[in-house]
Protein backbone atom coordinates (compact mmCIF):
# COMPACT_ATOMS: atom_id res chain seq x y z
CA MET A 1 0.02 -28.97 -6.71
CA ARG A 2 2.62 -26.20 -5.76
CA ASN A 3 1.80 -23.03 -3.62
CA VAL A 4 4.43 -20.41 -4.61
CA ARG A 5 4.92 -17.01 -2.67
CA LEU A 6 6.16 -14.09 -4.50
CA LEU A 7 7.79 -10.81 -3.10
CA LEU A 8 7.18 -8.14 -5.41
CA GLU A 9 8.40 -4.59 -6.08
CA TYR A 10 6.70 -2.16 -8.50
CA ASP A 11 6.36 1.33 -9.76
CA GLY A 12 2.50 1.84 -9.94
CA SER A 13 2.55 5.21 -11.73
CA ASP A 14 1.43 3.67 -15.19
CA PHE A 15 -0.90 1.03 -13.75
CA HIS A 16 -4.62 1.23 -12.63
CA GLY A 17 -3.71 -0.60 -9.38
CA PHE A 18 -2.86 -4.03 -8.47
CA GLN A 19 -6.36 -5.74 -8.99
CA LYS A 20 -7.00 -7.21 -12.51
CA GLN A 21 -9.69 -5.18 -14.36
CA ALA A 22 -10.96 -5.71 -17.96
CA ARG A 23 -9.22 -3.63 -20.86
CA LEU A 24 -7.04 -1.96 -18.03
CA ARG A 25 -3.31 -2.34 -17.45
CA THR A 26 -2.83 -3.75 -13.81
CA ILE A 27 -0.04 -5.42 -11.72
CA GLN A 28 -1.89 -8.50 -11.45
CA GLY A 29 -2.99 -8.71 -15.13
CA GLU A 30 0.87 -8.25 -16.11
CA LEU A 31 2.07 -10.98 -13.60
CA GLU A 32 -0.79 -13.51 -14.65
CA SER A 33 0.02 -13.07 -18.28
CA VAL A 34 3.89 -13.52 -17.74
CA LEU A 35 3.56 -16.31 -15.49
CA ALA A 36 1.16 -18.32 -17.78
CA ARG A 37 3.64 -17.94 -20.50
CA ILE A 38 6.57 -19.18 -18.51
CA LEU A 39 4.84 -22.11 -16.49
CA LYS A 40 2.50 -23.04 -19.59
CA HIS A 41 -0.74 -22.90 -17.86
CA PRO A 42 -3.25 -20.27 -16.74
CA VAL A 43 -2.35 -18.62 -13.23
CA LYS A 44 -4.26 -16.82 -10.86
CA VAL A 45 -2.39 -14.45 -8.58
CA VAL A 46 -3.62 -13.37 -5.04
CA GLY A 47 -2.28 -10.47 -3.71
CA ALA A 48 -1.83 -9.22 -0.16
CA GLY A 49 -2.72 -5.60 -0.73
CA ARG A 50 -5.01 -4.11 -3.60
CA THR A 51 -3.17 -0.97 -4.06
CA ASP A 52 -4.79 1.71 -6.05
CA ALA A 53 -3.90 3.35 -9.54
CA GLY A 54 -0.58 5.28 -9.16
CA VAL A 55 0.38 3.61 -5.60
CA HIS A 56 3.81 1.79 -5.46
CA ALA A 57 5.10 -1.40 -3.67
CA LEU A 58 8.27 -2.24 -2.14
CA GLY A 59 7.17 -5.36 -0.21
CA GLN A 60 3.87 -6.83 -1.99
CA VAL A 61 3.53 -10.39 -1.37
CA ALA A 62 1.35 -12.59 -3.71
CA ASN A 63 0.92 -16.26 -4.29
CA PHE A 64 -0.37 -18.66 -6.98
CA ALA A 65 -0.68 -22.42 -7.58
CA THR A 66 1.21 -24.43 -10.25
CA ASP A 67 1.80 -27.92 -11.31
CA SER A 68 4.86 -26.70 -13.08
CA ARG A 69 7.99 -28.35 -12.37
CA MET A 70 10.20 -25.30 -12.84
CA PRO A 71 12.64 -24.87 -9.96
CA ILE A 72 11.59 -22.29 -7.60
CA GLU A 73 14.99 -20.48 -7.82
CA ARG A 74 14.52 -19.94 -11.41
CA MET A 75 11.03 -18.32 -11.39
CA PRO A 76 12.36 -14.65 -10.33
CA ALA A 77 14.67 -14.29 -13.34
CA ALA A 78 12.15 -16.12 -15.94
CA ALA A 79 9.53 -13.78 -14.81
CA ASN A 80 11.49 -10.60 -14.73
CA SER A 81 12.98 -11.21 -18.22
CA ARG A 82 9.43 -10.94 -19.56
CA LEU A 83 7.84 -8.36 -17.03
CA PRO A 84 7.79 -4.76 -17.71
CA ALA A 85 10.83 -2.86 -15.89
CA ALA A 86 8.21 -1.32 -13.57
CA ILE A 87 7.55 -4.74 -11.93
CA VAL A 88 10.07 -7.02 -10.22
CA VAL A 89 9.88 -10.41 -8.62
CA ARG A 90 12.43 -10.14 -5.74
CA GLU A 91 11.87 -13.56 -4.41
CA ALA A 92 9.99 -16.60 -4.88
CA ALA A 93 9.52 -19.47 -2.39
CA GLU A 94 7.42 -22.48 -1.71
CA ALA A 95 4.56 -21.80 0.63
CA ALA A 96 2.29 -24.16 2.74
CA PRO A 97 -0.78 -25.54 0.98
CA ASP A 98 -3.11 -23.13 2.94
CA PHE A 99 -0.99 -20.11 2.68
CA ASP A 100 -3.23 -17.00 1.30
CA ALA A 101 -1.21 -13.84 0.68
CA ARG A 102 -4.18 -11.84 1.45
CA ARG A 103 -6.14 -13.80 4.23
CA SER A 104 -2.94 -15.10 6.04
CA ALA A 105 -1.46 -11.68 6.56
CA ARG A 106 -1.52 -10.43 10.00
CA SER A 107 -0.62 -6.72 9.21
CA ARG A 108 0.20 -4.30 6.43
CA GLN A 109 2.67 -1.35 6.52
CA TYR A 110 2.52 1.78 4.39
CA ARG A 111 4.60 4.55 3.86
CA TYR A 112 3.76 7.97 2.37
CA LEU A 113 6.46 10.26 1.32
CA VAL A 114 5.61 14.17 1.17
CA LEU A 115 8.27 16.43 -0.65
CA ASN A 116 8.05 19.66 1.70
CA ARG A 117 10.14 22.35 0.08
CA PRO A 118 9.14 25.43 -1.96
CA GLN A 119 10.24 24.00 -5.18
CA PRO A 120 8.88 20.74 -6.88
CA SER A 121 11.24 17.79 -7.87
CA ALA A 122 11.70 16.54 -11.37
CA MET A 123 12.85 13.33 -10.07
CA LEU A 124 10.46 12.70 -7.49
CA ALA A 125 7.13 14.11 -9.13
CA ARG A 126 5.98 10.31 -9.59
CA TYR A 127 7.10 9.16 -6.13
CA ALA A 128 6.27 11.83 -3.52
CA HIS A 129 3.48 14.53 -3.09
CA HIS A 130 4.85 17.88 -3.14
CA VAL A 131 3.68 20.54 -0.60
CA PRO A 132 5.48 23.80 -0.77
CA ALA A 133 4.06 25.37 2.41
CA PRO A 134 6.02 24.64 5.58
CA LEU A 135 4.80 21.68 7.56
CA ASP A 136 5.13 20.95 11.32
CA ALA A 137 6.18 17.32 11.41
CA GLY A 138 5.93 17.52 15.28
CA ALA A 139 2.36 18.38 15.20
CA MET A 140 1.82 15.62 12.47
CA ALA A 141 3.42 13.05 14.80
CA ARG A 142 1.19 14.14 17.68
CA ALA A 143 -1.90 13.92 15.65
CA ALA A 144 -0.72 10.49 14.13
CA ARG A 145 -0.44 8.91 17.52
CA ALA A 146 -4.30 9.12 18.27
CA LEU A 147 -4.75 6.53 15.42
CA VAL A 148 -3.02 3.76 17.26
CA GLY A 149 -5.33 1.13 18.62
CA GLU A 150 -8.60 -0.44 17.61
CA HIS A 151 -11.15 2.20 16.46
CA ASP A 152 -14.00 2.67 13.96
CA PHE A 153 -12.44 4.25 11.10
CA ALA A 154 -15.43 4.87 9.09
CA SER A 155 -14.60 8.68 8.92
CA PHE A 156 -11.24 7.79 7.04
CA GLN A 157 -12.83 5.66 4.31
CA GLY A 158 -13.18 6.72 0.82
CA GLY A 159 -16.59 6.48 -1.00
CA GLY A 160 -17.66 3.98 -3.31
CA SER A 161 -16.18 0.58 -1.56
CA PRO A 162 -18.10 0.05 1.66
CA ALA A 163 -16.70 -2.44 4.09
CA ARG A 164 -18.70 -4.87 6.35
CA SER A 165 -16.91 -3.59 9.39
CA THR A 166 -15.09 -0.27 9.53
CA VAL A 167 -13.27 -1.35 12.88
CA ARG A 168 -9.57 -1.82 12.24
CA ARG A 169 -6.48 -2.02 14.51
CA VAL A 170 -3.66 0.34 13.85
CA TYR A 171 -0.39 -0.93 15.38
CA ARG A 172 1.87 1.96 14.36
CA ALA A 173 1.32 5.53 13.16
CA GLU A 174 4.38 7.90 12.89
CA CYS A 175 5.53 10.91 11.22
CA ARG A 176 9.03 12.11 11.00
CA ARG A 177 11.14 14.52 8.89
CA LEU A 178 14.20 13.56 6.87
CA GLY A 179 15.51 16.60 5.42
CA PRO A 180 12.84 17.90 2.88
CA LEU A 181 10.80 14.72 3.18
CA VAL A 182 8.05 14.18 5.63
CA VAL A 183 7.33 10.49 5.92
CA VAL A 184 4.34 8.95 7.45
CA THR A 185 4.29 5.31 8.40
CA LEU A 186 1.06 3.38 9.24
CA GLU A 187 0.72 -0.32 9.87
CA ALA A 188 -2.50 -2.08 10.76
CA ASN A 189 -4.20 -5.49 10.55
CA ALA A 190 -6.17 -4.17 7.54
CA PHE A 191 -6.95 -0.88 5.87
CA LEU A 192 -10.35 0.53 4.46
CA TYR A 193 -10.61 1.99 1.01
CA GLN A 194 -8.24 5.15 0.80
CA MET A 195 -7.80 5.07 4.69
CA VAL A 196 -3.99 5.77 4.50
CA ARG A 197 -4.44 8.40 1.90
CA ILE A 198 -7.09 10.30 3.99
CA ALA A 199 -5.19 10.00 7.12
CA VAL A 200 -2.21 11.40 5.45
CA ARG A 201 -4.27 14.40 4.03
CA THR A 202 -5.70 15.01 7.43
CA LEU A 203 -1.90 15.10 8.73
CA ILE A 204 -0.81 17.42 6.18
CA GLU A 205 -3.63 19.78 7.03
CA VAL A 206 -2.44 19.42 10.90
CA GLY A 207 1.09 20.39 9.63
CA ARG A 208 -0.02 23.29 7.53
CA GLY A 209 -1.76 24.54 10.85
CA ARG A 210 -5.12 24.59 9.32
CA LEU A 211 -6.42 21.82 11.68
CA PRO A 212 -5.56 21.08 15.42
CA ALA A 213 -3.60 18.03 16.39
CA ALA A 214 -6.74 16.67 18.12
CA VAL A 215 -8.59 16.33 14.73
CA THR A 216 -7.54 12.87 14.34
CA ALA A 217 -9.05 11.67 17.69
CA GLN A 218 -12.02 13.87 16.97
CA GLY A 219 -12.38 11.99 13.58
CA LEU A 220 -12.44 8.73 15.24
CA ARG A 221 -15.45 9.57 17.30
CA SER A 222 -17.29 11.23 14.16
CA ALA A 223 -19.07 9.30 11.53
CA ARG A 224 -18.28 12.22 9.01
CA GLY A 225 -15.07 13.17 10.35
CA GLN A 226 -12.45 13.58 7.47
CA ARG A 227 -14.44 12.98 4.34
CA GLY A 228 -14.65 16.56 3.41
CA LEU A 229 -10.79 16.45 3.07
CA GLY A 230 -10.70 13.79 0.57
CA PRO A 231 -7.35 11.46 0.06
CA ALA A 232 -3.87 12.66 -0.52
CA PRO A 233 -2.66 11.77 -4.05
CA PRO A 234 -1.64 8.33 -4.72
CA GLN A 235 2.06 8.84 -5.90
CA GLY A 236 3.41 9.18 -2.49
CA LEU A 237 2.15 5.95 -1.10
CA TYR A 238 3.99 2.74 -0.88
CA LEU A 239 2.99 -0.67 0.39
CA THR A 240 6.23 -1.50 2.25
CA ARG A 241 5.73 -4.63 4.18
CA ILE A 242 3.39 -7.68 4.71
CA ARG A 243 3.56 -9.49 8.11
CA TYR A 244 2.72 -13.07 8.60
CA ASP A 245 2.95 -15.70 11.27
CA ARG A 246 6.38 -17.30 11.23
CA THR A 247 4.91 -20.50 10.24
CA SER A 248 3.25 -18.85 7.07
């Protein structure tokens, strides 16, 4: 039995997230259906990140087991010829037998795009969150730095999906302006449900001057914290990279 590792890119706009759900169109569901057809046996795909409805990916990783003899170099083209245009298999490779895209991951990196100008964009409406009010990206960057380190992120967790532990380690939390775009980058060993989007919503409120930059540090000390803010919309969020040990 072979263990195959995939690198995926997708536009999540028209999907109900990555994880397979009955009677709903999902990334995992589309992948499993196509792979089953080209490999001629049922396939169970494991994804590194369970992106929500409307969230995109540039570097999602997945793996599956197969006894097919199809050459690994043919799999991306074979899958892409049948997948919808919004899902692309960028790479396929043989993985170690014990590799698991989700459990073997050491960190996950997300980026969030905010279009910060008075007018919306016809081209970016599905790929960035439009905020017409001016944003102070410097204040947002200062607030983001407080998120780095190991903390209890209970106040940055969305409702409806409680985790066993709400402690996470954030390795990177940055915010910078690129012309009309404000880009927020977060990397952590793992994320709670809606954690990135709630953090981004908090940073946006800081950028608008509605909250002080110290609010993120305060939120890490509070069980209630940011929950009243709610998450930023999904269309600005991208899963950009999954990191593994060199041996994985």
